[in-house]
């Protein structure tokens, strides 16, 4: 039992980490579900976002959605990626914890910062996804959902109006950042490969009708700010230790 509580280099106590992250995930899930319940505001915000995208010639969601909807096999694969992304998050977090303790605290702090920073945005700016607010969108996740028809069930306790920013893309960007941080010193070429994940996820959420282009841009901003916050957090801790 004592091995569970022993530090390994820069690695925190495993049991404390697991319990802490599980408790925070539970709290985040509850808070997230309680936000973005104003359907009218979410629809109005989505229409405003669509207008901004049209003005900037970024409104590619319908075209991407139609292309994917025409290919059932690709649609099934897209749904698997959309639904099972959390497996990648858990895998990356565990891999960094076990094999790259030198960067674990930074990437974990970035993950926590993302969840803290995104909640006020979801509260202040509820946003309907294209599958609800963009006429002509095929709800591909609902059509091929591996978890049943939960993606359109407004009363299932999930927040369906938090499209801005896209956390699917945000988590994928975090996974890429974690992988890049772990590999860049020893395997700089391999460190570029994790960035394929957010590219695939971006294509996935746009084509399945779950997010707008500007939602993806919001995800990039969220992750960049979270990395900066985590870096300031690390410097503060280092200053206290010294």
Protein backbone atom coordinates (compact mmCIF):
# COMPACT_ATOMS: atom_id res chain seq x y z
CA UNK A 1 0.00 0.00 0.00
CA UNK A 2 2.81 2.45 0.76
CA UNK A 3 3.91 2.27 -2.89
CA UNK A 4 0.68 3.95 -3.87
CA UNK A 5 1.64 7.05 -1.94
CA UNK A 6 5.33 7.21 -2.88
CA UNK A 7 6.51 9.93 -5.24
CA UNK A 8 8.40 8.94 -8.37
CA UNK A 9 10.50 11.86 -9.61
CA UNK A 10 8.14 14.69 -10.44
CA UNK A 11 5.16 12.35 -10.39
CA UNK A 12 2.49 13.03 -7.73
CA UNK A 13 1.00 10.28 -5.58
CA UNK A 14 -1.02 7.98 -7.87
CA UNK A 15 -3.95 7.44 -5.50
CA UNK A 16 -4.23 11.15 -4.74
CA UNK A 17 -4.10 11.94 -8.47
CA UNK A 18 -6.83 9.46 -9.37
CA UNK A 19 -9.16 10.58 -6.59
CA UNK A 20 -8.53 14.26 -7.26
CA UNK A 21 -9.12 14.00 -11.00
CA UNK A 22 -12.26 11.87 -10.55
CA UNK A 23 -13.74 14.34 -8.08
CA UNK A 24 -12.96 17.28 -10.34
CA UNK A 25 -14.42 15.45 -13.36
CA UNK A 26 -17.61 14.78 -11.42
CA UNK A 27 -17.86 18.43 -10.36
CA UNK A 28 -17.15 19.67 -13.89
CA UNK A 29 -19.76 17.33 -15.35
CA UNK A 30 -22.40 18.56 -12.91
CA UNK A 31 -21.60 22.23 -13.51
CA UNK A 32 -21.47 21.77 -17.26
CA UNK A 33 -24.86 20.03 -17.31
CA UNK A 34 -26.41 22.88 -15.32
CA UNK A 35 -25.33 25.54 -17.84
CA UNK A 36 -26.61 26.50 -21.26
CA UNK A 37 -30.26 25.65 -20.62
CA UNK A 38 -31.66 28.77 -22.34
CA UNK A 39 -32.68 27.40 -25.74
CA UNK A 40 -33.75 30.79 -27.08
CA UNK A 41 -30.44 32.43 -26.21
CA UNK A 42 -28.52 29.44 -27.60
CA UNK A 43 -30.40 29.69 -30.89
CA UNK A 44 -29.93 33.46 -31.15
CA UNK A 45 -26.20 33.10 -30.49
CA UNK A 46 -25.96 30.37 -33.12
CA UNK A 47 -27.69 32.54 -35.71
CA UNK A 48 -25.33 35.43 -34.91
CA UNK A 49 -22.34 33.10 -35.28
CA UNK A 50 -23.65 31.82 -38.61
CA UNK A 51 -23.96 35.41 -39.85
CA UNK A 52 -20.37 36.14 -38.82
CA UNK A 53 -19.14 33.03 -40.60
CA UNK A 54 -21.01 33.90 -43.79
CA UNK A 55 -19.52 37.38 -43.75
CA UNK A 56 -16.05 35.88 -43.41
CA UNK A 57 -16.77 33.08 -45.94
CA UNK A 58 -16.17 30.42 -43.28
CA UNK A 59 -19.59 28.76 -43.46
CA UNK A 60 -18.44 25.32 -44.65
CA UNK A 61 -20.44 23.22 -42.18
CA UNK A 62 -23.35 22.31 -44.47
CA UNK A 63 -21.05 21.30 -47.31
CA UNK A 64 -18.87 19.17 -45.03
CA UNK A 65 -21.96 17.61 -43.47
CA UNK A 66 -23.46 16.72 -46.85
CA UNK A 67 -20.20 15.13 -48.00
CA UNK A 68 -20.00 12.94 -44.90
CA UNK A 69 -23.70 12.03 -44.93
CA UNK A 70 -23.26 10.60 -48.43
CA UNK A 71 -20.79 7.99 -47.12
CA UNK A 72 -22.30 5.70 -44.43
CA UNK A 73 -19.01 3.89 -43.67
CA UNK A 74 -17.18 7.15 -43.03
CA UNK A 75 -20.18 8.37 -41.03
CA UNK A 76 -19.96 5.34 -38.75
CA UNK A 77 -16.22 5.91 -38.25
CA UNK A 78 -16.85 9.60 -37.51
CA UNK A 79 -19.37 8.67 -34.81
CA UNK A 80 -16.89 6.28 -33.19
CA UNK A 81 -14.27 9.03 -33.11
CA UNK A 82 -16.78 11.54 -31.75
CA UNK A 83 -18.06 9.23 -29.02
CA UNK A 84 -14.84 7.49 -27.93
CA UNK A 85 -12.46 10.46 -27.81
CA UNK A 86 -12.30 10.19 -24.01
CA UNK A 87 -10.36 6.92 -24.41
CA UNK A 88 -7.55 8.95 -25.98
CA UNK A 89 -7.65 11.48 -23.13
CA UNK A 90 -7.37 8.77 -20.47
CA UNK A 91 -4.68 6.93 -22.43
CA UNK A 92 -2.56 10.04 -22.95
CA UNK A 93 -2.90 11.12 -19.33
CA UNK A 94 -1.90 7.66 -18.09
CA UNK A 95 0.99 7.41 -20.56
CA UNK A 96 2.42 10.79 -19.56
CA UNK A 97 1.99 9.96 -15.86
CA UNK A 98 3.85 6.64 -16.16
CA UNK A 99 6.47 7.42 -18.80
CA UNK A 100 7.03 11.18 -18.83
CA UNK A 101 6.79 12.43 -15.27
CA UNK A 102 8.86 15.50 -16.16
CA UNK A 103 5.94 17.05 -18.08
CA UNK A 104 3.01 15.47 -16.27
CA UNK A 105 2.26 18.34 -13.89
CA UNK A 106 2.24 20.88 -16.72
CA UNK A 107 -0.14 18.91 -18.93
CA UNK A 108 -2.41 18.01 -16.01
CA UNK A 109 -2.57 21.63 -14.93
CA UNK A 110 -3.41 22.60 -18.49
CA UNK A 111 -6.26 20.09 -18.48
CA UNK A 112 -7.65 21.47 -15.21
CA UNK A 113 -7.27 25.06 -16.43
CA UNK A 114 -9.29 24.22 -19.54
CA UNK A 115 -12.22 22.98 -17.49
CA UNK A 116 -12.11 26.03 -15.21
CA UNK A 117 -11.88 28.56 -18.02
CA UNK A 118 -14.52 27.05 -20.29
CA UNK A 119 -17.37 26.97 -17.76
CA UNK A 120 -17.92 30.76 -17.62
CA UNK A 121 -18.05 30.81 -21.43
CA UNK A 122 -20.70 28.09 -21.50
CA UNK A 123 -22.69 30.00 -18.88
CA UNK A 124 -22.42 33.38 -20.62
CA UNK A 125 -22.72 32.26 -24.25
CA UNK A 126 -24.93 29.18 -24.73
CA UNK A 127 -24.68 28.02 -28.33
CA UNK A 128 -26.85 25.64 -30.36
CA UNK A 129 -24.81 23.29 -32.57
CA UNK A 130 -25.41 23.20 -36.34
CA UNK A 131 -27.48 20.00 -36.03
CA UNK A 132 -30.06 22.01 -34.06
CA UNK A 133 -29.72 25.50 -35.53
CA UNK A 134 -28.54 25.11 -39.12
CA UNK A 135 -31.35 24.13 -41.49
CA UNK A 136 -30.51 21.15 -43.69
CA UNK A 137 -27.91 19.62 -41.36
CA UNK A 138 -27.99 15.83 -41.05
CA UNK A 139 -27.48 14.80 -37.41
CA UNK A 140 -25.00 12.06 -38.19
CA UNK A 141 -24.28 11.18 -34.56
CA UNK A 142 -28.00 10.67 -33.90
CA UNK A 143 -28.30 8.64 -37.10
CA UNK A 144 -25.48 6.23 -36.26
CA UNK A 145 -25.11 6.71 -32.51
CA UNK A 146 -23.38 3.81 -30.74
CA UNK A 147 -24.91 4.94 -27.43
CA UNK A 148 -28.51 5.05 -28.63
CA UNK A 149 -30.42 8.20 -29.58
CA UNK A 150 -28.99 10.33 -26.77
CA UNK A 151 -27.59 13.14 -28.90
CA UNK A 152 -31.06 14.68 -29.42
CA UNK A 153 -32.53 13.91 -26.00
CA UNK A 154 -32.76 17.36 -24.45
CA UNK A 155 -33.98 15.96 -21.14
CA UNK A 156 -31.16 13.47 -20.54
CA UNK A 157 -29.22 15.75 -18.19
CA UNK A 158 -26.54 16.63 -20.76
CA UNK A 159 -25.72 20.11 -22.01
CA UNK A 160 -26.58 20.22 -25.72
CA UNK A 161 -26.04 23.97 -26.05
CA UNK A 162 -22.33 24.36 -25.37
CA UNK A 163 -20.98 24.41 -28.91
CA UNK A 164 -18.63 27.37 -28.29
CA UNK A 165 -15.85 26.42 -27.86
CA UNK A 166 -15.69 22.79 -28.94
CA UNK A 167 -14.37 20.68 -26.09
CA UNK A 168 -14.00 17.72 -28.45
CA UNK A 169 -11.42 19.74 -30.38
CA UNK A 170 -10.10 21.22 -27.14
CA UNK A 171 -9.43 17.79 -25.63
CA UNK A 172 -7.84 16.63 -28.90
CA UNK A 173 -5.57 19.69 -28.88
CA UNK A 174 -4.68 18.92 -25.26
CA UNK A 175 -3.76 15.33 -26.21
CA UNK A 176 -1.54 16.64 -29.00
CA UNK A 177 0.09 19.18 -26.69
CA UNK A 178 0.73 16.48 -24.08
CA UNK A 179 2.26 14.14 -26.64
CA UNK A 180 4.35 16.91 -28.15
CA UNK A 181 5.59 18.00 -24.71
CA UNK A 182 6.61 14.44 -23.85
CA UNK A 183 8.39 13.65 -27.13
CA UNK A 184 9.85 16.90 -28.43
CA UNK A 185 13.16 16.63 -26.52
CA UNK A 186 14.00 13.04 -27.46
CA UNK A 187 11.92 12.33 -30.59
CA UNK A 188 11.22 15.67 -32.31
CA UNK A 189 9.83 14.09 -35.48
CA UNK A 190 7.50 11.75 -33.59
CA UNK A 191 6.37 14.75 -31.54
CA UNK A 192 4.59 16.14 -34.62
CA UNK A 193 2.37 13.08 -35.08
CA UNK A 194 -0.03 13.79 -32.16
CA UNK A 195 -1.19 16.95 -33.93
CA UNK A 196 -2.98 14.75 -36.46
CA UNK A 197 -5.58 14.00 -33.78
CA UNK A 198 -7.01 17.55 -33.47
CA UNK A 199 -7.02 17.85 -37.27
CA UNK A 200 -9.14 14.70 -37.53
CA UNK A 201 -11.38 15.83 -34.68
CA UNK A 202 -11.91 19.22 -36.32
CA UNK A 203 -13.05 17.55 -39.52
CA UNK A 204 -15.23 15.21 -37.46
CA UNK A 205 -17.13 17.83 -35.46
CA UNK A 206 -17.68 20.04 -38.51
CA UNK A 207 -18.90 17.21 -40.74
CA UNK A 208 -21.15 15.59 -38.13
CA UNK A 209 -22.99 18.87 -37.54
CA UNK A 210 -21.80 19.39 -33.98
CA UNK A 211 -19.69 22.54 -34.28
CA UNK A 212 -18.96 25.61 -36.36
CA UNK A 213 -15.59 26.76 -37.68
CA UNK A 214 -15.52 29.55 -35.10
CA UNK A 215 -16.11 26.98 -32.34
CA UNK A 216 -12.84 25.36 -33.40
CA UNK A 217 -11.12 28.75 -33.32
CA UNK A 218 -12.48 29.19 -29.80
CA UNK A 219 -10.96 25.84 -28.82
CA UNK A 220 -7.54 26.95 -30.01
CA UNK A 221 -7.81 30.09 -27.89
CA UNK A 222 -8.98 28.06 -24.87
CA UNK A 223 -6.04 25.65 -25.04
CA UNK A 224 -3.50 28.42 -25.63
CA UNK A 225 -4.75 30.41 -22.62
CA UNK A 226 -4.87 27.24 -20.49
CA UNK A 227 -1.23 26.44 -21.35
CA UNK A 228 -0.26 29.97 -20.33
CA UNK A 229 -2.18 29.67 -17.04
CA UNK A 230 -0.56 26.31 -16.30
CA UNK A 231 2.89 27.79 -16.99
CA UNK A 232 2.23 30.68 -14.60
CA UNK A 233 0.99 28.16 -12.03
CA UNK A 234 4.23 26.19 -12.39
CA UNK A 235 6.40 29.30 -12.01
CA UNK A 236 4.50 30.29 -8.90
CA UNK A 237 5.09 26.85 -7.36
CA UNK A 238 8.76 26.96 -8.30
CA UNK A 239 9.08 30.38 -6.69
CA UNK A 240 7.51 29.13 -3.48
CA UNK A 241 9.86 26.12 -3.39
CA UNK A 242 12.95 28.26 -3.94
